[in-house]
């Protein structure tokens, strides 16, 4: 059985999508990953609660011998509660709540902390890209590697510095 420390190191970025300012982990991928690590995991959705014309959804996930509980308002992509949400909005929020509750076991938890990659994963990726930059034999190859690196890890001082240094050495 996997531990929290093992699950929190899983890079889920390729299974996320951005909507407005929010990043969402695919609930299907979260469920699949959870079940791969604990095939006995189960979840339930208590009745939503209404607060005026807004709705709060709930989820309880039992896995690894414990139960985690989570709640989530039905929101727009700016984190604002939606007035009078329809069934589709409530259903979408319920599945996001499931993914959020699964994150409490470690799978994708870093997303809710506002991070892009789990601790250590970014360092590994940057090191790999630095090696790829160093291995470039011409400016065109360097340009391609740099574009792929920034797409993978975003703007990074080390990658920028290594690219500029390699560009200077190749221009000689």
N, C-alpha and C. Protein backbone atom coordinates (compact mmCIF):
# COMPACT_ATOMS: atom_id res chain seq x y z
N UNK A 1 0.84 -1.18 0.00
CA UNK A 1 0.00 0.00 0.00
C UNK A 1 0.89 1.25 0.00
N UNK A 2 0.58 2.20 -0.83
CA UNK A 2 1.38 3.42 -0.95
C UNK A 2 1.22 4.29 0.29
N UNK A 3 2.24 5.08 0.55
CA UNK A 3 2.18 6.02 1.67
C UNK A 3 1.88 7.42 1.15
N UNK A 4 1.48 8.28 2.07
CA UNK A 4 1.24 9.67 1.71
C UNK A 4 2.47 10.28 1.05
N UNK A 5 3.64 10.04 1.61
CA UNK A 5 4.87 10.62 1.04
C UNK A 5 5.14 10.14 -0.37
N UNK A 6 4.74 8.92 -0.70
CA UNK A 6 4.90 8.42 -2.07
C UNK A 6 3.87 9.06 -2.99
N UNK A 7 2.64 9.14 -2.54
CA UNK A 7 1.56 9.69 -3.38
C UNK A 7 1.74 11.17 -3.66
N UNK A 8 2.28 11.93 -2.72
CA UNK A 8 2.42 13.37 -2.91
C UNK A 8 3.51 13.72 -3.92
N UNK A 9 4.35 12.76 -4.27
CA UNK A 9 5.42 13.00 -5.24
C UNK A 9 4.98 12.74 -6.68
N UNK A 10 3.77 12.23 -6.86
CA UNK A 10 3.29 11.94 -8.21
C UNK A 10 3.03 13.26 -8.95
N UNK A 11 3.60 13.41 -10.13
CA UNK A 11 3.39 14.60 -10.95
C UNK A 11 2.09 14.40 -11.75
N UNK A 12 1.09 15.21 -11.44
CA UNK A 12 -0.22 15.09 -12.09
C UNK A 12 -0.45 16.15 -13.15
N UNK A 13 0.56 16.95 -13.45
CA UNK A 13 0.36 18.11 -14.33
C UNK A 13 -0.24 17.77 -15.69
N UNK A 14 0.14 16.64 -16.27
CA UNK A 14 -0.40 16.33 -17.60
C UNK A 14 -1.86 15.92 -17.54
N UNK A 15 -2.42 15.80 -16.34
CA UNK A 15 -3.82 15.41 -16.17
C UNK A 15 -4.65 16.56 -15.61
N UNK A 16 -4.12 17.77 -15.69
CA UNK A 16 -4.84 18.94 -15.20
C UNK A 16 -5.31 19.78 -16.38
N UNK A 17 -6.24 20.65 -16.08
CA UNK A 17 -6.65 21.64 -17.07
C UNK A 17 -6.87 22.96 -16.36
N UNK A 18 -6.68 24.02 -17.09
CA UNK A 18 -6.81 25.36 -16.56
C UNK A 18 -8.15 25.92 -17.00
N UNK A 19 -8.91 26.46 -16.06
CA UNK A 19 -10.15 27.16 -16.37
C UNK A 19 -10.09 28.48 -15.63
N UNK A 20 -9.91 29.55 -16.38
CA UNK A 20 -9.74 30.85 -15.75
C UNK A 20 -8.47 30.84 -14.93
N UNK A 21 -8.60 31.19 -13.65
CA UNK A 21 -7.44 31.25 -12.76
C UNK A 21 -7.20 29.93 -12.03
N UNK A 22 -8.07 28.95 -12.22
CA UNK A 22 -7.99 27.72 -11.45
C UNK A 22 -7.42 26.56 -12.26
N UNK A 23 -6.69 25.70 -11.59
CA UNK A 23 -6.19 24.47 -12.19
C UNK A 23 -6.98 23.32 -11.60
N UNK A 24 -7.50 22.46 -12.46
CA UNK A 24 -8.28 21.31 -12.03
C UNK A 24 -7.58 20.02 -12.40
N UNK A 25 -7.58 19.08 -11.47
CA UNK A 25 -7.09 17.74 -11.74
C UNK A 25 -8.27 16.93 -12.24
N UNK A 26 -8.09 16.21 -13.32
CA UNK A 26 -9.15 15.35 -13.85
C UNK A 26 -9.59 14.37 -12.77
N UNK A 27 -10.88 14.36 -12.46
CA UNK A 27 -11.38 13.45 -11.43
C UNK A 27 -11.18 12.00 -11.85
N UNK A 28 -11.31 11.72 -13.13
CA UNK A 28 -11.15 10.34 -13.60
C UNK A 28 -9.73 9.86 -13.36
N UNK A 29 -8.75 10.73 -13.61
CA UNK A 29 -7.37 10.35 -13.39
C UNK A 29 -7.09 10.19 -11.90
N UNK A 30 -7.65 11.09 -11.07
CA UNK A 30 -7.46 11.00 -9.62
C UNK A 30 -8.03 9.68 -9.09
N UNK A 31 -9.22 9.32 -9.55
CA UNK A 31 -9.85 8.06 -9.13
C UNK A 31 -9.01 6.88 -9.59
N UNK A 32 -8.57 6.90 -10.84
CA UNK A 32 -7.76 5.80 -11.37
C UNK A 32 -6.48 5.62 -10.55
N UNK A 33 -5.81 6.71 -10.26
CA UNK A 33 -4.56 6.65 -9.50
C UNK A 33 -4.83 6.14 -8.08
N UNK A 34 -5.88 6.65 -7.46
CA UNK A 34 -6.23 6.19 -6.12
C UNK A 34 -6.48 4.69 -6.11
N UNK A 35 -7.28 4.21 -7.07
CA UNK A 35 -7.62 2.79 -7.10
C UNK A 35 -6.43 1.90 -7.45
N UNK A 36 -5.47 2.43 -8.18
CA UNK A 36 -4.25 1.67 -8.45
C UNK A 36 -3.45 1.43 -7.16
N UNK A 37 -3.57 2.38 -6.23
CA UNK A 37 -2.82 2.28 -4.98
C UNK A 37 -3.63 1.67 -3.83
N UNK A 38 -4.96 1.73 -3.92
CA UNK A 38 -5.84 1.10 -2.93
C UNK A 38 -7.13 0.71 -3.63
N UNK A 39 -7.17 -0.52 -4.09
CA UNK A 39 -8.32 -0.99 -4.87
C UNK A 39 -9.60 -1.09 -4.04
N UNK A 40 -9.50 -0.95 -2.72
CA UNK A 40 -10.69 -1.01 -1.87
C UNK A 40 -11.25 0.36 -1.56
N UNK A 41 -10.67 1.42 -2.12
CA UNK A 41 -11.13 2.78 -1.84
C UNK A 41 -12.59 2.97 -2.28
N UNK A 42 -13.33 3.72 -1.48
CA UNK A 42 -14.73 4.04 -1.79
C UNK A 42 -14.98 5.51 -1.48
N UNK A 43 -16.04 6.06 -2.05
CA UNK A 43 -16.39 7.44 -1.79
C UNK A 43 -17.89 7.59 -1.79
N UNK A 44 -18.34 8.66 -1.16
CA UNK A 44 -19.77 8.97 -1.11
C UNK A 44 -19.93 10.48 -1.16
N UNK A 45 -21.11 10.88 -1.59
CA UNK A 45 -21.42 12.30 -1.71
C UNK A 45 -22.63 12.62 -0.84
N UNK A 46 -22.40 13.18 0.35
CA UNK A 46 -23.54 13.61 1.17
C UNK A 46 -24.36 14.65 0.42
N UNK A 47 -25.57 14.87 0.87
CA UNK A 47 -26.46 15.84 0.22
C UNK A 47 -25.84 17.23 0.20
N UNK A 48 -25.95 17.92 -0.92
CA UNK A 48 -25.46 19.31 -0.97
C UNK A 48 -26.24 20.18 0.03
N UNK A 49 -25.63 21.26 0.45
CA UNK A 49 -26.30 22.21 1.33
C UNK A 49 -26.46 23.53 0.60
N UNK A 50 -27.60 24.15 0.83
CA UNK A 50 -27.90 25.42 0.19
C UNK A 50 -27.67 26.56 1.18
N UNK A 51 -26.98 27.58 0.71
CA UNK A 51 -26.74 28.79 1.48
C UNK A 51 -27.31 29.92 0.66
N UNK A 52 -28.55 30.30 0.97
CA UNK A 52 -29.24 31.28 0.14
C UNK A 52 -29.42 30.68 -1.25
N UNK A 53 -28.89 31.34 -2.27
CA UNK A 53 -29.02 30.81 -3.64
C UNK A 53 -27.74 30.14 -4.13
N UNK A 54 -26.80 29.84 -3.19
CA UNK A 54 -25.57 29.13 -3.55
C UNK A 54 -25.58 27.74 -2.94
N UNK A 55 -24.67 26.87 -3.45
CA UNK A 55 -24.68 25.47 -3.04
C UNK A 55 -23.26 25.02 -2.65
N UNK A 56 -23.19 24.22 -1.58
CA UNK A 56 -21.94 23.60 -1.15
C UNK A 56 -22.12 22.10 -1.34
N UNK A 57 -21.14 21.46 -2.02
CA UNK A 57 -21.16 20.01 -2.20
C UNK A 57 -20.13 19.38 -1.29
N UNK A 58 -20.29 18.07 -1.03
CA UNK A 58 -19.44 17.36 -0.07
C UNK A 58 -19.01 16.02 -0.64
N UNK A 59 -17.89 15.52 -0.14
CA UNK A 59 -17.41 14.21 -0.54
C UNK A 59 -16.64 13.59 0.62
N UNK A 60 -16.83 12.29 0.82
CA UNK A 60 -16.07 11.52 1.79
C UNK A 60 -15.39 10.39 1.04
N UNK A 61 -14.07 10.28 1.18
CA UNK A 61 -13.31 9.21 0.54
C UNK A 61 -12.66 8.38 1.64
N UNK A 62 -12.86 7.06 1.55
CA UNK A 62 -12.21 6.14 2.48
C UNK A 62 -11.19 5.33 1.68
N UNK A 63 -9.93 5.44 2.09
CA UNK A 63 -8.82 4.73 1.44
C UNK A 63 -7.69 4.59 2.45
N UNK A 64 -6.87 3.59 2.26
CA UNK A 64 -5.71 3.39 3.13
C UNK A 64 -6.09 3.33 4.61
N UNK A 65 -7.32 2.86 4.88
CA UNK A 65 -7.76 2.68 6.25
C UNK A 65 -8.26 3.92 6.96
N UNK A 66 -8.46 5.02 6.22
CA UNK A 66 -8.99 6.22 6.86
C UNK A 66 -9.92 6.96 5.92
N UNK A 67 -10.73 7.83 6.50
CA UNK A 67 -11.69 8.61 5.71
C UNK A 67 -11.31 10.08 5.75
N UNK A 68 -11.28 10.68 4.56
CA UNK A 68 -11.06 12.12 4.43
C UNK A 68 -12.37 12.74 3.96
N UNK A 69 -12.66 13.93 4.44
CA UNK A 69 -13.89 14.63 4.07
C UNK A 69 -13.53 15.98 3.47
N UNK A 70 -14.30 16.38 2.47
CA UNK A 70 -14.02 17.65 1.80
C UNK A 70 -15.34 18.30 1.39
N UNK A 71 -15.29 19.61 1.27
CA UNK A 71 -16.44 20.38 0.79
C UNK A 71 -15.95 21.35 -0.28
N UNK A 72 -16.87 21.79 -1.12
CA UNK A 72 -16.51 22.71 -2.19
C UNK A 72 -17.77 23.46 -2.61
N UNK A 73 -17.71 24.79 -2.65
CA UNK A 73 -18.86 25.52 -3.18
C UNK A 73 -18.93 25.35 -4.70
N UNK A 74 -20.10 25.45 -5.25
CA UNK A 74 -20.24 25.46 -6.70
C UNK A 74 -19.78 26.85 -7.13
N UNK A 75 -18.66 26.87 -7.90
CA UNK A 75 -17.97 28.14 -8.20
C UNK A 75 -17.80 28.38 -9.69
N UNK A 76 -17.54 29.64 -10.01
CA UNK A 76 -17.11 29.99 -11.35
C UNK A 76 -15.58 29.92 -11.39
N UNK A 77 -14.99 30.26 -12.53
CA UNK A 77 -13.53 30.13 -12.66
C UNK A 77 -12.76 31.25 -11.97
N UNK A 78 -13.46 32.12 -11.24
CA UNK A 78 -12.79 33.16 -10.45
C UNK A 78 -12.93 32.88 -8.96
N UNK A 79 -13.35 31.65 -8.63
CA UNK A 79 -13.52 31.23 -7.23
C UNK A 79 -14.72 31.88 -6.55
N UNK A 80 -15.67 32.38 -7.31
CA UNK A 80 -16.87 32.98 -6.74
C UNK A 80 -18.01 31.97 -6.78
N UNK A 81 -18.77 31.89 -5.69
CA UNK A 81 -19.92 31.00 -5.66
C UNK A 81 -20.92 31.43 -6.73
N UNK A 82 -21.51 30.44 -7.39
CA UNK A 82 -22.49 30.70 -8.44
C UNK A 82 -23.89 30.76 -7.83
N UNK A 83 -24.63 31.77 -8.18
CA UNK A 83 -26.03 31.86 -7.75
C UNK A 83 -26.89 30.92 -8.56
N UNK A 84 -27.76 30.19 -7.90
CA UNK A 84 -28.72 29.29 -8.54
C UNK A 84 -28.07 28.36 -9.58
N UNK A 85 -27.08 27.57 -9.16
CA UNK A 85 -26.41 26.68 -10.12
C UNK A 85 -27.36 25.60 -10.63
N UNK A 86 -27.20 25.25 -11.90
CA UNK A 86 -28.02 24.17 -12.45
C UNK A 86 -27.38 22.82 -12.12
N UNK A 87 -28.05 21.74 -12.54
CA UNK A 87 -27.59 20.39 -12.21
C UNK A 87 -26.19 20.12 -12.75
N UNK A 88 -25.89 20.64 -13.92
CA UNK A 88 -24.56 20.41 -14.51
C UNK A 88 -23.47 21.05 -13.66
N UNK A 89 -23.70 22.28 -13.21
CA UNK A 89 -22.70 22.97 -12.38
C UNK A 89 -22.51 22.23 -11.05
N UNK A 90 -23.60 21.73 -10.48
CA UNK A 90 -23.52 20.99 -9.22
C UNK A 90 -22.77 19.67 -9.45
N UNK A 91 -23.06 18.99 -10.55
CA UNK A 91 -22.38 17.74 -10.87
C UNK A 91 -20.87 17.97 -11.07
N UNK A 92 -20.52 19.01 -11.82
CA UNK A 92 -19.10 19.32 -12.04
C UNK A 92 -18.40 19.62 -10.72
N UNK A 93 -19.04 20.41 -9.85
CA UNK A 93 -18.44 20.74 -8.56
C UNK A 93 -18.29 19.49 -7.69
N UNK A 94 -19.24 18.59 -7.77
CA UNK A 94 -19.18 17.36 -6.99
C UNK A 94 -17.97 16.53 -7.39
N UNK A 95 -17.71 16.42 -8.69
CA UNK A 95 -16.56 15.64 -9.15
C UNK A 95 -15.25 16.36 -8.85
N UNK A 96 -15.24 17.69 -8.87
CA UNK A 96 -14.05 18.44 -8.46
C UNK A 96 -13.80 18.23 -6.97
N UNK A 97 -14.88 18.14 -6.20
CA UNK A 97 -14.76 17.89 -4.77
C UNK A 97 -14.16 16.50 -4.53
N UNK A 98 -14.54 15.52 -5.35
CA UNK A 98 -13.96 14.18 -5.25
C UNK A 98 -12.46 14.25 -5.49
N UNK A 99 -12.04 14.93 -6.55
CA UNK A 99 -10.61 15.05 -6.85
C UNK A 99 -9.89 15.77 -5.71
N UNK A 100 -10.52 16.79 -5.16
CA UNK A 100 -9.93 17.55 -4.06
C UNK A 100 -9.79 16.67 -2.81
N UNK A 101 -10.80 15.84 -2.56
CA UNK A 101 -10.76 14.94 -1.40
C UNK A 101 -9.67 13.88 -1.59
N UNK A 102 -9.54 13.35 -2.80
CA UNK A 102 -8.48 12.38 -3.09
C UNK A 102 -7.12 13.03 -2.88
N UNK A 103 -7.00 14.32 -3.19
CA UNK A 103 -5.74 15.03 -2.98
C UNK A 103 -5.31 15.01 -1.52
N UNK A 104 -6.24 14.91 -0.60
CA UNK A 104 -5.89 14.84 0.83
C UNK A 104 -5.05 13.60 1.15
N UNK A 105 -5.10 12.60 0.28
CA UNK A 105 -4.26 11.41 0.45
C UNK A 105 -2.88 11.62 -0.17
N UNK A 106 -2.68 12.76 -0.86
CA UNK A 106 -1.38 13.09 -1.45
C UNK A 106 -1.40 13.26 -2.96
N UNK A 107 -2.36 12.68 -3.64
CA UNK A 107 -2.39 12.70 -5.11
C UNK A 107 -2.83 14.08 -5.61
N UNK A 108 -1.87 14.87 -6.07
CA UNK A 108 -2.16 16.20 -6.60
C UNK A 108 -2.38 17.26 -5.55
N UNK A 109 -2.04 16.99 -4.31
CA UNK A 109 -2.27 17.96 -3.24
C UNK A 109 -1.55 19.28 -3.51
N UNK A 110 -0.40 19.22 -4.15
CA UNK A 110 0.37 20.45 -4.40
C UNK A 110 -0.39 21.46 -5.24
N UNK A 111 -1.36 21.02 -6.03
CA UNK A 111 -2.16 21.95 -6.84
C UNK A 111 -2.90 22.93 -5.92
N UNK A 112 -3.43 22.42 -4.82
CA UNK A 112 -4.21 23.25 -3.92
C UNK A 112 -3.34 24.16 -3.06
N UNK A 113 -2.02 23.91 -3.07
CA UNK A 113 -1.08 24.79 -2.37
C UNK A 113 -0.56 25.86 -3.33
N UNK A 114 -1.06 25.85 -4.57
CA UNK A 114 -0.64 26.84 -5.56
C UNK A 114 0.69 26.54 -6.19
N UNK A 115 1.14 25.31 -6.11
CA UNK A 115 2.42 24.94 -6.69
C UNK A 115 2.20 24.29 -8.05
N UNK A 116 3.25 24.30 -8.88
CA UNK A 116 3.16 23.71 -10.20
C UNK A 116 3.63 22.27 -10.24
N UNK A 117 4.55 21.91 -9.38
CA UNK A 117 5.09 20.55 -9.34
C UNK A 117 5.37 20.15 -7.91
N UNK A 118 5.32 18.86 -7.62
CA UNK A 118 5.66 18.44 -6.26
C UNK A 118 7.12 18.75 -5.94
N UNK A 119 7.40 18.94 -4.67
CA UNK A 119 8.76 19.23 -4.22
C UNK A 119 9.72 18.19 -4.75
N UNK A 120 10.83 18.64 -5.29
CA UNK A 120 11.83 17.72 -5.83
C UNK A 120 11.63 17.44 -7.31
N UNK A 121 10.41 17.36 -7.76
CA UNK A 121 10.12 17.06 -9.18
C UNK A 121 10.63 18.18 -10.07
N UNK A 122 10.42 19.44 -9.65
CA UNK A 122 10.88 20.58 -10.44
C UNK A 122 12.40 20.55 -10.57
N UNK A 123 13.09 20.27 -9.46
CA UNK A 123 14.55 20.21 -9.50
C UNK A 123 15.03 19.16 -10.49
N UNK A 124 14.38 17.99 -10.50
CA UNK A 124 14.75 16.92 -11.42
C UNK A 124 14.53 17.33 -12.87
N UNK A 125 13.39 17.98 -13.13
CA UNK A 125 13.10 18.41 -14.50
C UNK A 125 14.08 19.47 -14.96
N UNK A 126 14.38 20.44 -14.09
CA UNK A 126 15.31 21.50 -14.45
C UNK A 126 16.68 20.89 -14.75
N UNK A 127 17.13 19.96 -13.92
CA UNK A 127 18.42 19.31 -14.15
C UNK A 127 18.45 18.60 -15.50
N UNK A 128 17.35 17.93 -15.85
CA UNK A 128 17.28 17.25 -17.14
C UNK A 128 17.36 18.25 -18.30
N UNK A 129 16.66 19.38 -18.15
CA UNK A 129 16.69 20.39 -19.22
C UNK A 129 18.05 21.07 -19.30
N UNK A 130 18.70 21.27 -18.17
CA UNK A 130 20.04 21.86 -18.20
C UNK A 130 21.01 20.95 -18.95
N UNK A 131 20.89 19.65 -18.75
CA UNK A 131 21.74 18.69 -19.46
C UNK A 131 21.44 18.72 -20.96
N UNK A 132 20.15 18.82 -21.31
CA UNK A 132 19.76 18.88 -22.72
C UNK A 132 20.28 20.15 -23.38
N UNK A 133 20.25 21.26 -22.66
CA UNK A 133 20.78 22.52 -23.19
C UNK A 133 22.28 22.40 -23.42
N UNK A 134 22.97 21.83 -22.46
CA UNK A 134 24.42 21.67 -22.57
C UNK A 134 24.81 20.78 -23.75
N UNK A 135 23.94 19.83 -24.10
CA UNK A 135 24.24 18.87 -25.18
C UNK A 135 23.95 19.44 -26.57
N UNK A 136 23.32 20.60 -26.66
CA UNK A 136 22.98 21.17 -27.97
C UNK A 136 24.24 21.47 -28.78
N UNK A 137 24.16 21.16 -30.08
CA UNK A 137 25.33 21.36 -30.94
C UNK A 137 25.21 22.55 -31.89
N UNK A 138 23.99 23.14 -31.98
CA UNK A 138 23.84 24.34 -32.81
C UNK A 138 22.70 25.20 -32.27
N UNK A 139 22.60 26.42 -32.79
CA UNK A 139 21.62 27.38 -32.29
C UNK A 139 20.17 26.94 -32.53
N UNK A 140 19.91 26.30 -33.64
CA UNK A 140 18.55 25.85 -33.92
C UNK A 140 18.11 24.78 -32.91
N UNK A 141 19.01 23.85 -32.64
CA UNK A 141 18.71 22.81 -31.64
C UNK A 141 18.51 23.46 -30.27
N UNK A 142 19.34 24.42 -29.93
CA UNK A 142 19.22 25.12 -28.65
C UNK A 142 17.86 25.81 -28.54
N UNK A 143 17.45 26.44 -29.62
CA UNK A 143 16.15 27.13 -29.63
C UNK A 143 15.03 26.13 -29.37
N UNK A 144 15.06 24.97 -30.02
CA UNK A 144 14.02 23.95 -29.84
C UNK A 144 14.01 23.42 -28.41
N UNK A 145 15.18 23.14 -27.87
CA UNK A 145 15.27 22.62 -26.50
C UNK A 145 14.77 23.67 -25.51
N UNK A 146 15.16 24.92 -25.72
CA UNK A 146 14.72 25.99 -24.83
C UNK A 146 13.19 26.13 -24.84
N UNK A 147 12.60 26.07 -26.01
CA UNK A 147 11.14 26.19 -26.12
C UNK A 147 10.45 25.04 -25.39
N UNK A 148 10.97 23.83 -25.55
CA UNK A 148 10.40 22.67 -24.86
C UNK A 148 10.59 22.78 -23.35
N UNK A 149 11.75 23.26 -22.93
CA UNK A 149 12.04 23.39 -21.50
C UNK A 149 11.09 24.39 -20.85
N UNK A 150 10.90 25.54 -21.48
CA UNK A 150 10.02 26.55 -20.88
C UNK A 150 8.56 26.11 -20.93
N UNK A 151 8.20 25.32 -21.94
CA UNK A 151 6.83 24.78 -21.96
C UNK A 151 6.64 23.79 -20.82
N UNK A 152 7.69 23.05 -20.49
CA UNK A 152 7.59 22.02 -19.45
C UNK A 152 7.65 22.59 -18.04
N UNK A 153 8.55 23.54 -17.80
CA UNK A 153 8.74 24.02 -16.42
C UNK A 153 8.46 25.51 -16.25
N UNK A 154 8.11 26.21 -17.31
CA UNK A 154 7.85 27.63 -17.21
C UNK A 154 9.15 28.42 -17.21
N UNK A 155 9.02 29.69 -16.93
CA UNK A 155 10.21 30.55 -16.88
C UNK A 155 11.07 30.14 -15.69
N UNK A 156 12.36 29.94 -15.96
CA UNK A 156 13.26 29.46 -14.92
C UNK A 156 14.61 30.13 -15.10
N UNK A 157 15.12 30.74 -14.02
CA UNK A 157 16.39 31.48 -14.09
C UNK A 157 17.55 30.59 -14.53
N UNK A 158 17.61 29.38 -14.00
CA UNK A 158 18.72 28.48 -14.34
C UNK A 158 18.69 28.10 -15.82
N UNK A 159 17.49 27.80 -16.33
CA UNK A 159 17.36 27.44 -17.74
C UNK A 159 17.70 28.64 -18.62
N UNK A 160 17.24 29.83 -18.24
CA UNK A 160 17.54 31.04 -19.01
C UNK A 160 19.05 31.30 -19.04
N UNK A 161 19.68 31.18 -17.88
CA UNK A 161 21.13 31.43 -17.80
C UNK A 161 21.91 30.41 -18.61
N UNK A 162 21.53 29.14 -18.50
CA UNK A 162 22.23 28.08 -19.24
C UNK A 162 22.05 28.27 -20.74
N UNK A 163 20.83 28.66 -21.15
CA UNK A 163 20.56 28.88 -22.57
C UNK A 163 21.40 30.04 -23.09
N UNK A 164 21.46 31.13 -22.34
CA UNK A 164 22.25 32.29 -22.77
C UNK A 164 23.74 31.95 -22.85
N UNK A 165 24.23 31.19 -21.88
CA UNK A 165 25.64 30.79 -21.89
C UNK A 165 25.93 29.87 -23.07
N UNK A 166 25.03 28.94 -23.34
CA UNK A 166 25.25 28.00 -24.46
C UNK A 166 25.15 28.76 -25.79
N UNK A 167 24.22 29.71 -25.86
CA UNK A 167 24.08 30.52 -27.08
C UNK A 167 25.37 31.28 -27.35
N UNK A 168 25.95 31.87 -26.31
CA UNK A 168 27.20 32.62 -26.45
C UNK A 168 28.34 31.69 -26.90
N UNK A 169 28.39 30.48 -26.35
CA UNK A 169 29.48 29.57 -26.73
C UNK A 169 29.30 29.04 -28.16
N UNK A 170 28.05 28.87 -28.59
CA UNK A 170 27.81 28.37 -29.95
C UNK A 170 28.01 29.48 -30.99
N UNK A 171 27.84 30.71 -30.59
CA UNK A 171 27.99 31.85 -31.53
C UNK A 171 29.44 32.14 -31.84
N UNK A 172 30.38 31.57 -31.09
CA UNK A 172 31.82 31.83 -31.29
C UNK A 172 32.31 31.23 -32.57
